[in-house]
Amino acid sequence: MLNRLTAPTPPFFQKVRNLGLLLTAVASAVIGLPLELELPLTVLEIAGGLAVAGSMMAGLGQAAVKSE
């Protein structure tokens, strides 16, 4: 398993991984905003979904290996 995560990643899946990390970072920033801003519940639910989707994309992108 560890060899798979450290093996070379194809360029497409590098982009998927990076996009997933970006989505997770943006969602975390929105969730971490101060309570004084009183964001609607819908915005927080969407941010939670983006955090889950982003983390899954990052994991999938990192686990893909380049076949020889």
C-alpha atoms as a PDB file:
ATOM      1  CA  MET A   1       0.000   0.000   0.000  1.00  0.00           C
ATOM      2  CA  LEU A   2       2.778   2.424   0.900  1.00  0.00           C
ATOM      3  CA  ASN A   3       4.523   1.702  -2.418  1.00  0.00           C
ATOM      4  CA  ARG A   4       1.337   2.625  -4.268  1.00  0.00           C
ATOM      5  CA  LEU A   5       1.081   6.009  -2.530  1.00  0.00           C
ATOM      6  CA  THR A   6       4.715   6.875  -3.269  1.00  0.00           C
ATOM      7  CA  ALA A   7       4.673   5.666  -6.901  1.00  0.00           C
ATOM      8  CA  PRO A   8       4.586   8.222  -9.762  1.00  0.00           C
ATOM      9  CA  THR A   9       1.157   9.748 -10.374  1.00  0.00           C
ATOM     10  CA  PRO A  10      -0.195  10.407 -13.907  1.00  0.00           C
ATOM     11  CA  PRO A  11      -0.597  14.112 -14.825  1.00  0.00           C
ATOM     12  CA  PHE A  12      -4.414  13.935 -14.956  1.00  0.00           C
ATOM     13  CA  PHE A  13      -4.623  12.542 -11.448  1.00  0.00           C
ATOM     14  CA  GLN A  14      -2.145  15.151 -10.203  1.00  0.00           C
ATOM     15  CA  LYS A  15      -4.653  17.771 -11.369  1.00  0.00           C
ATOM     16  CA  VAL A  16      -7.509  15.886  -9.688  1.00  0.00           C
ATOM     17  CA  ARG A  17      -5.495  15.720  -6.447  1.00  0.00           C
ATOM     18  CA  ASN A  18      -4.640  19.420  -6.555  1.00  0.00           C
ATOM     19  CA  LEU A  19      -8.249  20.402  -7.278  1.00  0.00           C
ATOM     20  CA  GLY A  20      -9.391  18.244  -4.369  1.00  0.00           C
ATOM     21  CA  LEU A  21      -6.918  19.930  -2.053  1.00  0.00           C
ATOM     22  CA  LEU A  22      -8.108  23.337  -3.239  1.00  0.00           C
ATOM     23  CA  LEU A  23     -11.770  22.445  -2.652  1.00  0.00           C
ATOM     24  CA  THR A  24     -10.959  21.161   0.825  1.00  0.00           C
ATOM     25  CA  ALA A  25      -9.027  24.318   1.688  1.00  0.00           C
ATOM     26  CA  VAL A  26     -11.816  26.630   0.497  1.00  0.00           C
ATOM     27  CA  ALA A  27     -14.478  24.616   2.320  1.00  0.00           C
ATOM     28  CA  SER A  28     -12.406  24.632   5.513  1.00  0.00           C
ATOM     29  CA  ALA A  29     -11.991  28.396   5.274  1.00  0.00           C
ATOM     30  CA  VAL A  30     -15.749  28.893   4.876  1.00  0.00           C
ATOM     31  CA  ILE A  31     -16.556  26.538   7.760  1.00  0.00           C
ATOM     32  CA  GLY A  32     -13.986  28.280   9.948  1.00  0.00           C
ATOM     33  CA  LEU A  33     -15.421  31.777   9.472  1.00  0.00           C
ATOM     34  CA  PRO A  34     -16.440  33.577  12.673  1.00  0.00           C
ATOM     35  CA  LEU A  35     -19.985  33.064  13.919  1.00  0.00           C
ATOM     36  CA  GLU A  36     -20.614  36.829  13.809  1.00  0.00           C
ATOM     37  CA  LEU A  37     -21.047  36.614  10.026  1.00  0.00           C
ATOM     38  CA  GLU A  38     -24.188  34.490  10.473  1.00  0.00           C
ATOM     39  CA  LEU A  39     -23.855  32.450   7.296  1.00  0.00           C
ATOM     40  CA  PRO A  40     -26.989  30.643   6.126  1.00  0.00           C
ATOM     41  CA  LEU A  41     -27.162  26.971   7.006  1.00  0.00           C
ATOM     42  CA  THR A  42     -27.235  26.085   3.298  1.00  0.00           C
ATOM     43  CA  VAL A  43     -23.803  27.651   2.761  1.00  0.00           C
ATOM     44  CA  LEU A  44     -22.345  25.626   5.630  1.00  0.00           C
ATOM     45  CA  GLU A  45     -23.923  22.415   4.317  1.00  0.00           C
ATOM     46  CA  ILE A  46     -22.472  23.044   0.856  1.00  0.00           C
ATOM     47  CA  ALA A  47     -19.058  23.753   2.385  1.00  0.00           C
ATOM     48  CA  GLY A  48     -19.258  20.477   4.312  1.00  0.00           C
ATOM     49  CA  GLY A  49     -20.080  18.591   1.135  1.00  0.00           C
ATOM     50  CA  LEU A  50     -17.207  20.272  -0.699  1.00  0.00           C
ATOM     51  CA  ALA A  51     -14.838  19.306   2.108  1.00  0.00           C
ATOM     52  CA  VAL A  52     -15.851  15.649   1.802  1.00  0.00           C
ATOM     53  CA  ALA A  53     -15.699  15.702  -2.013  1.00  0.00           C
ATOM     54  CA  GLY A  54     -12.332  17.455  -1.985  1.00  0.00           C
ATOM     55  CA  SER A  55     -10.800  14.992   0.433  1.00  0.00           C
ATOM     56  CA  MET A  56     -12.072  12.069  -1.640  1.00  0.00           C
ATOM     57  CA  MET A  57     -10.663  13.615  -4.826  1.00  0.00           C
ATOM     58  CA  ALA A  58      -7.300  14.178  -3.141  1.00  0.00           C
ATOM     59  CA  GLY A  59      -7.171  10.586  -1.924  1.00  0.00           C
ATOM     60  CA  LEU A  60      -8.180   9.180  -5.298  1.00  0.00           C
ATOM     61  CA  GLY A  61      -5.682  11.356  -7.137  1.00  0.00           C
ATOM     62  CA  GLN A  62      -2.839  10.335  -4.857  1.00  0.00           C
ATOM     63  CA  ALA A  63      -3.656   6.615  -5.031  1.00  0.00           C
ATOM     64  CA  ALA A  64      -3.568   6.450  -8.860  1.00  0.00           C
ATOM     65  CA  VAL A  65      -0.326   5.081 -10.276  1.00  0.00           C
ATOM     66  CA  LYS A  66       1.279   5.379 -13.676  1.00  0.00           C
ATOM     67  CA  SER A  67       1.398   1.985 -15.388  1.00  0.00           C
ATOM     68  CA  GLU A  68       4.483   1.134 -17.343  1.00  0.00           C
END
